[in-house]
Amino acid sequence: VERRELTDLWPKTAKGKYKLSDPKRGGED
């Protein structure tokens, strides 16, 4: 993520990890 210069755009968890959620159900957000 840092190499692709997306550190400021990619959402993070409360612990500072980059989120990777892609649920089968739920909204696009």
mmCIF file of all heavy atoms, coordinates in Angstrom:
data_MODEL
# 
_entry.id   MODEL 
# 
loop_
_atom_site.group_PDB 
_atom_site.id 
_atom_site.type_symbol 
_atom_site.label_atom_id 
_atom_site.label_alt_id 
_atom_site.label_comp_id 
_atom_site.label_asym_id 
_atom_site.label_entity_id 
_atom_site.label_seq_id 
_atom_site.pdbx_PDB_ins_code 
_atom_site.Cartn_x 
_atom_site.Cartn_y 
_atom_site.Cartn_z 
_atom_site.occupancy 
_atom_site.B_iso_or_equiv 
_atom_site.pdbx_formal_charge 
_atom_site.auth_seq_id 
_atom_site.auth_comp_id 
_atom_site.auth_asym_id 
_atom_site.auth_atom_id 
_atom_site.pdbx_PDB_model_num 
ATOM 1   N N   . VAL A 1 1  ? 0.839   -1.206  0.000  1.00 0.00 ? 1  VAL A N   1 
ATOM 2   C CA  . VAL A 1 1  ? 0.000   0.000   0.000  1.00 0.00 ? 1  VAL A CA  1 
ATOM 3   C C   . VAL A 1 1  ? 0.868   1.248   0.000  1.00 0.00 ? 1  VAL A C   1 
ATOM 4   O O   . VAL A 1 1  ? 0.573   2.227   -0.708 1.00 0.00 ? 1  VAL A O   1 
ATOM 5   C CB  . VAL A 1 1  ? -0.948  -0.006  1.220  1.00 0.00 ? 1  VAL A CB  1 
ATOM 6   C CG1 . VAL A 1 1  ? -1.698  1.328   1.327  1.00 0.00 ? 1  VAL A CG1 1 
ATOM 7   C CG2 . VAL A 1 1  ? -1.942  -1.160  1.120  1.00 0.00 ? 1  VAL A CG2 1 
ATOM 8   N N   . GLU A 1 2  ? 1.941   1.211   0.760  1.00 0.00 ? 2  GLU A N   1 
ATOM 9   C CA  . GLU A 1 2  ? 2.845   2.362   0.815  1.00 0.00 ? 2  GLU A CA  1 
ATOM 10  C C   . GLU A 1 2  ? 3.561   2.557   -0.516 1.00 0.00 ? 2  GLU A C   1 
ATOM 11  O O   . GLU A 1 2  ? 3.752   3.694   -0.968 1.00 0.00 ? 2  GLU A O   1 
ATOM 12  C CB  . GLU A 1 2  ? 3.845   2.167   1.949  1.00 0.00 ? 2  GLU A CB  1 
ATOM 13  C CG  . GLU A 1 2  ? 3.203   2.251   3.332  1.00 0.00 ? 2  GLU A CG  1 
ATOM 14  C CD  . GLU A 1 2  ? 4.075   1.702   4.437  1.00 0.00 ? 2  GLU A CD  1 
ATOM 15  O OE1 . GLU A 1 2  ? 5.252   1.359   4.137  1.00 0.00 ? 2  GLU A OE1 1 
ATOM 16  O OE2 . GLU A 1 2  ? 3.595   1.595   5.580  1.00 0.00 ? 2  GLU A OE2 1 
ATOM 17  N N   . ARG A 1 3  ? 3.962   1.450   -1.166 1.00 0.00 ? 3  ARG A N   1 
ATOM 18  C CA  . ARG A 1 3  ? 4.625   1.563   -2.480 1.00 0.00 ? 3  ARG A CA  1 
ATOM 19  C C   . ARG A 1 3  ? 3.696   2.183   -3.517 1.00 0.00 ? 3  ARG A C   1 
ATOM 20  O O   . ARG A 1 3  ? 4.140   2.917   -4.398 1.00 0.00 ? 3  ARG A O   1 
ATOM 21  C CB  . ARG A 1 3  ? 5.077   0.185   -2.972 1.00 0.00 ? 3  ARG A CB  1 
ATOM 22  C CG  . ARG A 1 3  ? 6.261   -0.396  -2.248 1.00 0.00 ? 3  ARG A CG  1 
ATOM 23  C CD  . ARG A 1 3  ? 6.966   -1.465  -3.086 1.00 0.00 ? 3  ARG A CD  1 
ATOM 24  N NE  . ARG A 1 3  ? 6.076   -2.521  -3.536 1.00 0.00 ? 3  ARG A NE  1 
ATOM 25  C CZ  . ARG A 1 3  ? 5.813   -3.627  -2.854 1.00 0.00 ? 3  ARG A CZ  1 
ATOM 26  N NH1 . ARG A 1 3  ? 6.370   -3.807  -1.637 1.00 0.00 ? 3  ARG A NH1 1 
ATOM 27  N NH2 . ARG A 1 3  ? 5.010   -4.551  -3.346 1.00 0.00 ? 3  ARG A NH2 1 
ATOM 28  N N   . ARG A 1 4  ? 2.406   1.888   -3.398 1.00 0.00 ? 4  ARG A N   1 
ATOM 29  C CA  . ARG A 1 4  ? 1.421   2.421   -4.352 1.00 0.00 ? 4  ARG A CA  1 
ATOM 30  C C   . ARG A 1 4  ? 0.930   3.811   -3.952 1.00 0.00 ? 4  ARG A C   1 
ATOM 31  O O   . ARG A 1 4  ? 0.038   4.367   -4.588 1.00 0.00 ? 4  ARG A O   1 
ATOM 32  C CB  . ARG A 1 4  ? 0.234   1.470   -4.463 1.00 0.00 ? 4  ARG A CB  1 
ATOM 33  C CG  . ARG A 1 4  ? 0.575   0.054   -4.895 1.00 0.00 ? 4  ARG A CG  1 
ATOM 34  C CD  . ARG A 1 4  ? 1.193   -0.021  -6.265 1.00 0.00 ? 4  ARG A CD  1 
ATOM 35  N NE  . ARG A 1 4  ? 0.289   0.427   -7.334 1.00 0.00 ? 4  ARG A NE  1 
ATOM 36  C CZ  . ARG A 1 4  ? 0.579   0.379   -8.621 1.00 0.00 ? 4  ARG A CZ  1 
ATOM 37  N NH1 . ARG A 1 4  ? 1.785   -0.053  -9.009 1.00 0.00 ? 4  ARG A NH1 1 
ATOM 38  N NH2 . ARG A 1 4  ? -0.270  0.786   -9.523 1.00 0.00 ? 4  ARG A NH2 1 
ATOM 39  N N   . GLU A 1 5  ? 1.505   4.359   -2.870 1.00 0.00 ? 5  GLU A N   1 
ATOM 40  C CA  . GLU A 1 5  ? 1.199   5.724   -2.411 1.00 0.00 ? 5  GLU A CA  1 
ATOM 41  C C   . GLU A 1 5  ? -0.281  5.900   -2.091 1.00 0.00 ? 5  GLU A C   1 
ATOM 42  O O   . GLU A 1 5  ? -0.916  6.892   -2.462 1.00 0.00 ? 5  GLU A O   1 
ATOM 43  C CB  . GLU A 1 5  ? 1.650   6.747   -3.464 1.00 0.00 ? 5  GLU A CB  1 
ATOM 44  C CG  . GLU A 1 5  ? 3.145   6.683   -3.742 1.00 0.00 ? 5  GLU A CG  1 
ATOM 45  C CD  . GLU A 1 5  ? 3.574   7.722   -4.772 1.00 0.00 ? 5  GLU A CD  1 
ATOM 46  O OE1 . GLU A 1 5  ? 2.708   8.355   -5.396 1.00 0.00 ? 5  GLU A OE1 1 
ATOM 47  O OE2 . GLU A 1 5  ? 4.799   7.890   -4.950 1.00 0.00 ? 5  GLU A OE2 1 
ATOM 48  N N   . LEU A 1 6  ? -0.844  4.932   -1.351 1.00 0.00 ? 6  LEU A N   1 
ATOM 49  C CA  . LEU A 1 6  ? -2.255  4.984   -0.968 1.00 0.00 ? 6  LEU A CA  1 
ATOM 50  C C   . LEU A 1 6  ? -2.432  5.025   0.550  1.00 0.00 ? 6  LEU A C   1 
ATOM 51  O O   . LEU A 1 6  ? -3.521  4.755   1.063  1.00 0.00 ? 6  LEU A O   1 
ATOM 52  C CB  . LEU A 1 6  ? -2.999  3.762   -1.525 1.00 0.00 ? 6  LEU A CB  1 
ATOM 53  C CG  . LEU A 1 6  ? -3.142  3.692   -3.050 1.00 0.00 ? 6  LEU A CG  1 
ATOM 54  C CD1 . LEU A 1 6  ? -3.755  2.360   -3.460 1.00 0.00 ? 6  LEU A CD1 1 
ATOM 55  C CD2 . LEU A 1 6  ? -4.002  4.844   -3.558 1.00 0.00 ? 6  LEU A CD2 1 
ATOM 56  N N   . THR A 1 7  ? -1.378  5.363   1.267  1.00 0.00 ? 7  THR A N   1 
ATOM 57  C CA  . THR A 1 7  ? -1.440  5.335   2.736  1.00 0.00 ? 7  THR A CA  1 
ATOM 58  C C   . THR A 1 7  ? -2.507  6.266   3.296  1.00 0.00 ? 7  THR A C   1 
ATOM 59  O O   . THR A 1 7  ? -3.106  5.983   4.334  1.00 0.00 ? 7  THR A O   1 
ATOM 60  C CB  . THR A 1 7  ? -0.076  5.706   3.336  1.00 0.00 ? 7  THR A CB  1 
ATOM 61  O OG1 . THR A 1 7  ? 0.373   6.943   2.754  1.00 0.00 ? 7  THR A OG1 1 
ATOM 62  C CG2 . THR A 1 7  ? 0.949   4.625   3.052  1.00 0.00 ? 7  THR A CG2 1 
ATOM 63  N N   . ASP A 1 8  ? -2.740  7.384   2.643  1.00 0.00 ? 8  ASP A N   1 
ATOM 64  C CA  . ASP A 1 8  ? -3.726  8.345   3.157  1.00 0.00 ? 8  ASP A CA  1 
ATOM 65  C C   . ASP A 1 8  ? -5.151  8.010   2.713  1.00 0.00 ? 8  ASP A C   1 
ATOM 66  O O   . ASP A 1 8  ? -6.116  8.489   3.319  1.00 0.00 ? 8  ASP A O   1 
ATOM 67  C CB  . ASP A 1 8  ? -3.381  9.766   2.687  1.00 0.00 ? 8  ASP A CB  1 
ATOM 68  C CG  . ASP A 1 8  ? -2.066  10.253  3.271  1.00 0.00 ? 8  ASP A CG  1 
ATOM 69  O OD1 . ASP A 1 8  ? -1.721  9.804   4.384  1.00 0.00 ? 8  ASP A OD1 1 
ATOM 70  O OD2 . ASP A 1 8  ? -1.383  11.065  2.616  1.00 0.00 ? 8  ASP A OD2 1 
ATOM 71  N N   . LEU A 1 9  ? -5.292  7.192   1.675  1.00 0.00 ? 9  LEU A N   1 
ATOM 72  C CA  . LEU A 1 9  ? -6.621  6.872   1.146  1.00 0.00 ? 9  LEU A CA  1 
ATOM 73  C C   . LEU A 1 9  ? -7.183  5.563   1.684  1.00 0.00 ? 9  LEU A C   1 
ATOM 74  O O   . LEU A 1 9  ? -8.395  5.431   1.860  1.00 0.00 ? 9  LEU A O   1 
ATOM 75  C CB  . LEU A 1 9  ? -6.563  6.797   -0.388 1.00 0.00 ? 9  LEU A CB  1 
ATOM 76  C CG  . LEU A 1 9  ? -6.412  8.115   -1.150 1.00 0.00 ? 9  LEU A CG  1 
ATOM 77  C CD1 . LEU A 1 9  ? -6.300  7.836   -2.647 1.00 0.00 ? 9  LEU A CD1 1 
ATOM 78  C CD2 . LEU A 1 9  ? -7.599  9.024   -0.879 1.00 0.00 ? 9  LEU A CD2 1 
ATOM 79  N N   . TRP A 1 10 ? -6.309  4.587   1.935  1.00 0.00 ? 10 TRP A N   1 
ATOM 80  C CA  . TRP A 1 10 ? -6.789  3.252   2.306  1.00 0.00 ? 10 TRP A CA  1 
ATOM 81  C C   . TRP A 1 10 ? -7.322  3.267   3.746  1.00 0.00 ? 10 TRP A C   1 
ATOM 82  O O   . TRP A 1 10 ? -6.596  3.619   4.684  1.00 0.00 ? 10 TRP A O   1 
ATOM 83  C CB  . TRP A 1 10 ? -5.665  2.225   2.196  1.00 0.00 ? 10 TRP A CB  1 
ATOM 84  C CG  . TRP A 1 10 ? -6.188  0.833   2.008  1.00 0.00 ? 10 TRP A CG  1 
ATOM 85  C CD1 . TRP A 1 10 ? -6.888  0.088   2.904  1.00 0.00 ? 10 TRP A CD1 1 
ATOM 86  C CD2 . TRP A 1 10 ? -6.064  0.031   0.833  1.00 0.00 ? 10 TRP A CD2 1 
ATOM 87  N NE1 . TRP A 1 10 ? -7.227  -1.126  2.374  1.00 0.00 ? 10 TRP A NE1 1 
ATOM 88  C CE2 . TRP A 1 10 ? -6.724  -1.193  1.101  1.00 0.00 ? 10 TRP A CE2 1 
ATOM 89  C CE3 . TRP A 1 10 ? -5.459  0.214   -0.407 1.00 0.00 ? 10 TRP A CE3 1 
ATOM 90  C CZ2 . TRP A 1 10 ? -6.791  -2.225  0.173  1.00 0.00 ? 10 TRP A CZ2 1 
ATOM 91  C CZ3 . TRP A 1 10 ? -5.527  -0.808  -1.336 1.00 0.00 ? 10 TRP A CZ3 1 
ATOM 92  C CH2 . TRP A 1 10 ? -6.185  -2.010  -1.054 1.00 0.00 ? 10 TRP A CH2 1 
ATOM 93  N N   . PRO A 1 11 ? -8.585  2.872   3.968  1.00 0.00 ? 11 PRO A N   1 
ATOM 94  C CA  . PRO A 1 11 ? -9.164  2.868   5.323  1.00 0.00 ? 11 PRO A CA  1 
ATOM 95  C C   . PRO A 1 11 ? -8.405  1.924   6.254  1.00 0.00 ? 11 PRO A C   1 
ATOM 96  O O   . PRO A 1 11 ? -7.890  0.881   5.827  1.00 0.00 ? 11 PRO A O   1 
ATOM 97  C CB  . PRO A 1 11 ? -10.597 2.368   5.091  1.00 0.00 ? 11 PRO A CB  1 
ATOM 98  C CG  . PRO A 1 11 ? -10.880 2.660   3.654  1.00 0.00 ? 11 PRO A CG  1 
ATOM 99  C CD  . PRO A 1 11 ? -9.569  2.487   2.941  1.00 0.00 ? 11 PRO A CD  1 
ATOM 100 N N   . LYS A 1 12 ? -8.364  2.280   7.534  1.00 0.00 ? 12 LYS A N   1 
ATOM 101 C CA  . LYS A 1 12 ? -7.638  1.494   8.522  1.00 0.00 ? 12 LYS A CA  1 
ATOM 102 C C   . LYS A 1 12 ? -8.546  1.083   9.674  1.00 0.00 ? 12 LYS A C   1 
ATOM 103 O O   . LYS A 1 12 ? -9.575  1.705   9.934  1.00 0.00 ? 12 LYS A O   1 
ATOM 104 C CB  . LYS A 1 12 ? -6.446  2.296   9.070  1.00 0.00 ? 12 LYS A CB  1 
ATOM 105 C CG  . LYS A 1 12 ? -5.391  2.646   8.043  1.00 0.00 ? 12 LYS A CG  1 
ATOM 106 C CD  . LYS A 1 12 ? -4.268  3.454   8.662  1.00 0.00 ? 12 LYS A CD  1 
ATOM 107 C CE  . LYS A 1 12 ? -3.208  3.820   7.616  1.00 0.00 ? 12 LYS A CE  1 
ATOM 108 N NZ  . LYS A 1 12 ? -2.113  4.636   8.212  1.00 0.00 ? 12 LYS A NZ  1 
ATOM 109 N N   . THR A 1 13 ? -8.130  0.031   10.375 1.00 0.00 ? 13 THR A N   1 
ATOM 110 C CA  . THR A 1 13 ? -8.835  -0.420  11.570 1.00 0.00 ? 13 THR A CA  1 
ATOM 111 C C   . THR A 1 13 ? -8.426  0.460   12.747 1.00 0.00 ? 13 THR A C   1 
ATOM 112 O O   . THR A 1 13 ? -7.528  1.301   12.634 1.00 0.00 ? 13 THR A O   1 
ATOM 113 C CB  . THR A 1 13 ? -8.510  -1.883  11.891 1.00 0.00 ? 13 THR A CB  1 
ATOM 114 O OG1 . THR A 1 13 ? -7.121  -1.967  12.260 1.00 0.00 ? 13 THR A OG1 1 
ATOM 115 C CG2 . THR A 1 13 ? -8.766  -2.781  10.686 1.00 0.00 ? 13 THR A CG2 1 
ATOM 116 N N   . ALA A 1 14 ? -9.066  0.232   13.883 1.00 0.00 ? 14 ALA A N   1 
ATOM 117 C CA  . ALA A 1 14 ? -8.732  1.001   15.081 1.00 0.00 ? 14 ALA A CA  1 
ATOM 118 C C   . ALA A 1 14 ? -7.295  0.747   15.518 1.00 0.00 ? 14 ALA A C   1 
ATOM 119 O O   . ALA A 1 14 ? -6.665  1.594   16.161 1.00 0.00 ? 14 ALA A O   1 
ATOM 120 C CB  . ALA A 1 14 ? -9.699  0.639   16.209 1.00 0.00 ? 14 ALA A CB  1 
ATOM 121 N N   . LYS A 1 15 ? -6.752  -0.430  15.165 1.00 0.00 ? 15 LYS A N   1 
ATOM 122 C CA  . LYS A 1 15 ? -5.376  -0.777  15.526 1.00 0.00 ? 15 LYS A CA  1 
ATOM 123 C C   . LYS A 1 15 ? -4.365  -0.330  14.478 1.00 0.00 ? 15 LYS A C   1 
ATOM 124 O O   . LYS A 1 15 ? -3.177  -0.626  14.586 1.00 0.00 ? 15 LYS A O   1 
ATOM 125 C CB  . LYS A 1 15 ? -5.265  -2.279  15.751 1.00 0.00 ? 15 LYS A CB  1 
ATOM 126 C CG  . LYS A 1 15 ? -6.059  -2.772  16.960 1.00 0.00 ? 15 LYS A CG  1 
ATOM 127 C CD  . LYS A 1 15 ? -5.851  -4.268  17.169 1.00 0.00 ? 15 LYS A CD  1 
ATOM 128 C CE  . LYS A 1 15 ? -6.594  -4.751  18.405 1.00 0.00 ? 15 LYS A CE  1 
ATOM 129 N NZ  . LYS A 1 15 ? -6.393  -6.212  18.632 1.00 0.00 ? 15 LYS A NZ  1 
ATOM 130 N N   . GLY A 1 16 ? -4.849  0.352   13.424 1.00 0.00 ? 16 GLY A N   1 
ATOM 131 C CA  . GLY A 1 16 ? -3.933  0.894   12.428 1.00 0.00 ? 16 GLY A CA  1 
ATOM 132 C C   . GLY A 1 16 ? -3.635  -0.009  11.254 1.00 0.00 ? 16 GLY A C   1 
ATOM 133 O O   . GLY A 1 16 ? -2.826  0.338   10.396 1.00 0.00 ? 16 GLY A O   1 
ATOM 134 N N   . LYS A 1 17 ? -4.295  -1.188  11.175 1.00 0.00 ? 17 LYS A N   1 
ATOM 135 C CA  . LYS A 1 17 ? -4.091  -2.081  10.032 1.00 0.00 ? 17 LYS A CA  1 
ATOM 136 C C   . LYS A 1 17 ? -4.983  -1.653  8.861  1.00 0.00 ? 17 LYS A C   1 
ATOM 137 O O   . LYS A 1 17 ? -6.074  -1.123  9.059  1.00 0.00 ? 17 LYS A O   1 
ATOM 138 C CB  . LYS A 1 17 ? -4.411  -3.523  10.408 1.00 0.00 ? 17 LYS A CB  1 
ATOM 139 C CG  . LYS A 1 17 ? -3.376  -4.199  11.281 1.00 0.00 ? 17 LYS A CG  1 
ATOM 140 C CD  . LYS A 1 17 ? -3.699  -5.683  11.448 1.00 0.00 ? 17 LYS A CD  1 
ATOM 141 C CE  . LYS A 1 17 ? -2.613  -6.394  12.219 1.00 0.00 ? 17 LYS A CE  1 
ATOM 142 N NZ  . LYS A 1 17 ? -2.896  -7.858  12.330 1.00 0.00 ? 17 LYS A NZ  1 
ATOM 143 N N   . TYR A 1 18 ? -4.507  -1.903  7.651  1.00 0.00 ? 18 TYR A N   1 
ATOM 144 C CA  . TYR A 1 18 ? -5.318  -1.575  6.479  1.00 0.00 ? 18 TYR A CA  1 
ATOM 145 C C   . TYR A 1 18 ? -6.476  -2.569  6.364  1.00 0.00 ? 18 TYR A C   1 
ATOM 146 O O   . TYR A 1 18 ? -6.283  -3.784  6.446  1.00 0.00 ? 18 TYR A O   1 
ATOM 147 C CB  . TYR A 1 18 ? -4.458  -1.620  5.214  1.00 0.00 ? 18 TYR A CB  1 
ATOM 148 C CG  . TYR A 1 18 ? -3.431  -0.526  5.168  1.00 0.00 ? 18 TYR A CG  1 
ATOM 149 C CD1 . TYR A 1 18 ? -2.079  -0.810  5.355  1.00 0.00 ? 18 TYR A CD1 1 
ATOM 150 C CD2 . TYR A 1 18 ? -3.802  0.801   4.947  1.00 0.00 ? 18 TYR A CD2 1 
ATOM 151 C CE1 . TYR A 1 18 ? -1.125  0.199   5.329  1.00 0.00 ? 18 TYR A CE1 1 
ATOM 152 C CE2 . TYR A 1 18 ? -2.857  1.812   4.915  1.00 0.00 ? 18 TYR A CE2 1 
ATOM 153 C CZ  . TYR A 1 18 ? -1.524  1.503   5.111  1.00 0.00 ? 18 TYR A CZ  1 
ATOM 154 O OH  . TYR A 1 18 ? -0.596  2.511   5.083  1.00 0.00 ? 18 TYR A OH  1 
ATOM 155 N N   . LYS A 1 19 ? -7.680  -2.032  6.177  1.00 0.00 ? 19 LYS A N   1 
ATOM 156 C CA  . LYS A 1 19 ? -8.873  -2.878  6.094  1.00 0.00 ? 19 LYS A CA  1 
ATOM 157 C C   . LYS A 1 19 ? -8.890  -3.664  4.784  1.00 0.00 ? 19 LYS A C   1 
ATOM 158 O O   . LYS A 1 19 ? -8.475  -3.154  3.737  1.00 0.00 ? 19 LYS A O   1 
ATOM 159 C CB  . LYS A 1 19 ? -10.142 -2.031  6.193  1.00 0.00 ? 19 LYS A CB  1 
ATOM 160 C CG  . LYS A 1 19 ? -10.392 -1.443  7.564  1.00 0.00 ? 19 LYS A CG  1 
ATOM 161 C CD  . LYS A 1 19 ? -11.717 -0.690  7.588  1.00 0.00 ? 19 LYS A CD  1 
ATOM 162 C CE  . LYS A 1 19 ? -12.015 -0.137  8.975  1.00 0.00 ? 19 LYS A CE  1 
ATOM 163 N NZ  . LYS A 1 19 ? -13.311 0.588   9.003  1.00 0.00 ? 19 LYS A NZ  1 
ATOM 164 N N   . LEU A 1 20 ? -9.406  -4.881  4.867  1.00 0.00 ? 20 LEU A N   1 
ATOM 165 C CA  . LEU A 1 20 ? -9.484  -5.734  3.683  1.00 0.00 ? 20 LEU A CA  1 
ATOM 166 C C   . LEU A 1 20 ? -10.873 -6.355  3.543  1.00 0.00 ? 20 LEU A C   1 
ATOM 167 O O   . LEU A 1 20 ? -11.041 -7.320  2.801  1.00 0.00 ? 20 LEU A O   1 
ATOM 168 C CB  . LEU A 1 20 ? -8.429  -6.845  3.757  1.00 0.00 ? 20 LEU A CB  1 
ATOM 169 C CG  . LEU A 1 20 ? -6.989  -6.382  3.575  1.00 0.00 ? 20 LEU A CG  1 
ATOM 170 C CD1 . LEU A 1 20 ? -6.021  -7.470  4.004  1.00 0.00 ? 20 LEU A CD1 1 
ATOM 171 C CD2 . LEU A 1 20 ? -6.743  -5.995  2.131  1.00 0.00 ? 20 LEU A CD2 1 
ATOM 172 N N   . SER A 1 21 ? -11.859 -5.821  4.244  1.00 0.00 ? 21 SER A N   1 
ATOM 173 C CA  . SER A 1 21 ? -13.189 -6.432  4.240  1.00 0.00 ? 21 SER A CA  1 
ATOM 174 C C   . SER A 1 21 ? -13.825 -6.344  2.859  1.00 0.00 ? 21 SER A C   1 
ATOM 175 O O   . SER A 1 21 ? -13.726 -5.345  2.168  1.00 0.00 ? 21 SER A O   1 
ATOM 176 C CB  . SER A 1 21 ? -14.095 -5.745  5.267  1.00 0.00 ? 21 SER A CB  1 
ATOM 177 O OG  . SER A 1 21 ? -14.219 -4.369  4.972  1.00 0.00 ? 21 SER A OG  1 
ATOM 178 N N   . ASP A 1 22 ? -14.480 -7.421  2.476  1.00 0.00 ? 22 ASP A N   1 
ATOM 179 C CA  . ASP A 1 22 ? -15.224 -7.507  1.223  1.00 0.00 ? 22 ASP A CA  1 
ATOM 180 C C   . ASP A 1 22 ? -16.407 -8.457  1.459  1.00 0.00 ? 22 ASP A C   1 
ATOM 181 O O   . ASP A 1 22 ? -16.466 -9.549  0.917  1.00 0.00 ? 22 ASP A O   1 
ATOM 182 C CB  . ASP A 1 22 ? -14.337 -8.071  0.107  1.00 0.00 ? 22 ASP A CB  1 
ATOM 183 C CG  . ASP A 1 22 ? -14.092 -7.044  -0.994 1.00 0.00 ? 22 ASP A CG  1 
ATOM 184 O OD1 . ASP A 1 22 ? -14.549 -5.901  -0.842 1.00 0.00 ? 22 ASP A OD1 1 
ATOM 185 O OD2 . ASP A 1 22 ? -13.457 -7.390  -1.991 1.00 0.00 ? 22 ASP A OD2 1 
ATOM 186 N N   . PRO A 1 23 ? -17.364 -8.079  2.306  1.00 0.00 ? 23 PRO A N   1 
ATOM 187 C CA  . PRO A 1 23 ? -18.425 -9.011  2.691  1.00 0.00 ? 23 PRO A CA  1 
ATOM 188 C C   . PRO A 1 23 ? -19.321 -9.398  1.526  1.00 0.00 ? 23 PRO A C   1 
ATOM 189 O O   . PRO A 1 23 ? -19.513 -8.632  0.583  1.00 0.00 ? 23 PRO A O   1 
ATOM 190 C CB  . PRO A 1 23 ? -19.225 -8.224  3.743  1.00 0.00 ? 23 PRO A CB  1 
ATOM 191 C CG  . PRO A 1 23 ? -18.982 -6.785  3.386  1.00 0.00 ? 23 PRO A CG  1 
ATOM 192 C CD  . PRO A 1 23 ? -17.571 -6.740  2.886  1.00 0.00 ? 23 PRO A CD  1 
ATOM 193 N N   . LYS A 1 24 ? -19.888 -10.628 1.612  1.00 0.00 ? 24 LYS A N   1 
ATOM 194 C CA  . LYS A 1 24 ? -20.814 -11.080 0.581  1.00 0.00 ? 24 LYS A CA  1 
ATOM 195 C C   . LYS A 1 24 ? -22.085 -10.246 0.619  1.00 0.00 ? 24 LYS A C   1 
ATOM 196 O O   . LYS A 1 24 ? -22.708 -9.983  -0.400 1.00 0.00 ? 24 LYS A O   1 
ATOM 197 C CB  . LYS A 1 24 ? -21.157 -12.555 0.788  1.00 0.00 ? 24 LYS A CB  1 
ATOM 198 C CG  . LYS A 1 24 ? -20.004 -13.505 0.563  1.00 0.00 ? 24 LYS A CG  1 
ATOM 199 C CD  . LYS A 1 24 ? -20.457 -14.946 0.749  1.00 0.00 ? 24 LYS A CD  1 
ATOM 200 C CE  . LYS A 1 24 ? -19.304 -15.915 0.544  1.00 0.00 ? 24 LYS A CE  1 
ATOM 201 N NZ  . LYS A 1 24 ? -19.720 -17.323 0.743  1.00 0.00 ? 24 LYS A NZ  1 
ATOM 202 N N   . ARG A 1 25 ? -22.499 -9.875  1.818  1.00 0.00 ? 25 ARG A N   1 
ATOM 203 C CA  . ARG A 1 25 ? -23.707 -9.084  2.009  1.00 0.00 ? 25 ARG A CA  1 
ATOM 204 C C   . ARG A 1 25 ? -23.326 -7.705  2.531  1.00 0.00 ? 25 ARG A C   1 
ATOM 205 O O   . ARG A 1 25 ? -22.256 -7.505  3.093  1.00 0.00 ? 25 ARG A O   1 
ATOM 206 C CB  . ARG A 1 25 ? -24.647 -9.769  3.011  1.00 0.00 ? 25 ARG A CB  1 
ATOM 207 C CG  . ARG A 1 25 ? -25.069 -11.168 2.588  1.00 0.00 ? 25 ARG A CG  1 
ATOM 208 C CD  . ARG A 1 25 ? -25.987 -11.125 1.392  1.00 0.00 ? 25 ARG A CD  1 
ATOM 209 N NE  . ARG A 1 25 ? -26.300 -12.447 0.903  1.00 0.00 ? 25 ARG A NE  1 
ATOM 210 C CZ  . ARG A 1 25 ? -26.824 -12.697 -0.270 1.00 0.00 ? 25 ARG A CZ  1 
ATOM 211 N NH1 . ARG A 1 25 ? -27.078 -11.714 -1.106 1.00 0.00 ? 25 ARG A NH1 1 
ATOM 212 N NH2 . ARG A 1 25 ? -27.077 -13.937 -0.652 1.00 0.00 ? 25 ARG A NH2 1 
ATOM 213 N N   . GLY A 1 26 ? -24.231 -6.765  2.378  1.00 0.00 ? 26 GLY A N   1 
ATOM 214 C CA  . GLY A 1 26 ? -23.984 -5.429  2.890  1.00 0.00 ? 26 GLY A CA  1 
ATOM 215 C C   . GLY A 1 26 ? -23.793 -4.427  1.771  1.00 0.00 ? 26 GLY A C   1 
ATOM 216 O O   . GLY A 1 26 ? -23.713 -4.763  0.592  1.00 0.00 ? 26 GLY A O   1 
ATOM 217 N N   . GLY A 1 27 ? -23.737 -3.162  2.169  1.00 0.00 ? 27 GLY A N   1 
ATOM 218 C CA  . GLY A 1 27 ? -23.627 -2.092  1.196  1.00 0.00 ? 27 GLY A CA  1 
ATOM 219 C C   . GLY A 1 27 ? -22.261 -2.009  0.559  1.00 0.00 ? 27 GLY A C   1 
ATOM 220 O O   . GLY A 1 27 ? -21.277 -2.570  1.053  1.00 0.00 ? 27 GLY A O   1 
ATOM 221 N N   . GLU A 1 28 ? -22.194 -1.248  -0.526 1.00 0.00 ? 28 GLU A N   1 
ATOM 222 C CA  . GLU A 1 28 ? -20.930 -1.092  -1.240 1.00 0.00 ? 28 GLU A CA  1 
ATOM 223 C C   . GLU A 1 28 ? -19.884 -0.377  -0.388 1.00 0.00 ? 28 GLU A C   1 
ATOM 224 O O   . GLU A 1 28 ? -18.685 -0.586  -0.553 1.00 0.00 ? 28 GLU A O   1 
ATOM 225 C CB  . GLU A 1 28 ? -21.167 -0.317  -2.542 1.00 0.00 ? 28 GLU A CB  1 
ATOM 226 C CG  . GLU A 1 28 ? -21.932 -1.090  -3.600 1.00 0.00 ? 28 GLU A CG  1 
ATOM 227 C CD  . GLU A 1 28 ? -21.198 -2.346  -4.046 1.00 0.00 ? 28 GLU A CD  1 
ATOM 228 O OE1 . GLU A 1 28 ? -19.986 -2.269  -4.308 1.00 0.00 ? 28 GLU A OE1 1 
ATOM 229 O OE2 . GLU A 1 28 ? -21.843 -3.401  -4.108 1.00 0.00 ? 28 GLU A OE2 1 
ATOM 230 N N   . ASP A 1 29 ? -20.330 0.454   0.546  1.00 0.00 ? 29 ASP A N   1 
ATOM 231 C CA  . ASP A 1 29 ? -19.382 1.164   1.399  1.00 0.00 ? 29 ASP A CA  1 
ATOM 232 C C   . ASP A 1 29 ? -18.563 0.210   2.261  1.00 0.00 ? 29 ASP A C   1 
ATOM 233 O O   . ASP A 1 29 ? -17.461 0.541   2.694  1.00 0.00 ? 29 ASP A O   1 
ATOM 234 C CB  . ASP A 1 29 ? -20.135 2.149   2.311  1.00 0.00 ? 29 ASP A CB  1 
ATOM 235 C CG  . ASP A 1 29 ? -20.657 3.355   1.540  1.00 0.00 ? 29 ASP A CG  1 
ATOM 236 O OD1 . ASP A 1 29 ? -20.180 3.562   0.407  1.00 0.00 ? 29 ASP A OD1 1 
ATOM 237 O OD2 . ASP A 1 29 ? -21.529 4.070   2.058  1.00 0.00 ? 29 ASP A OD2 1 
# 
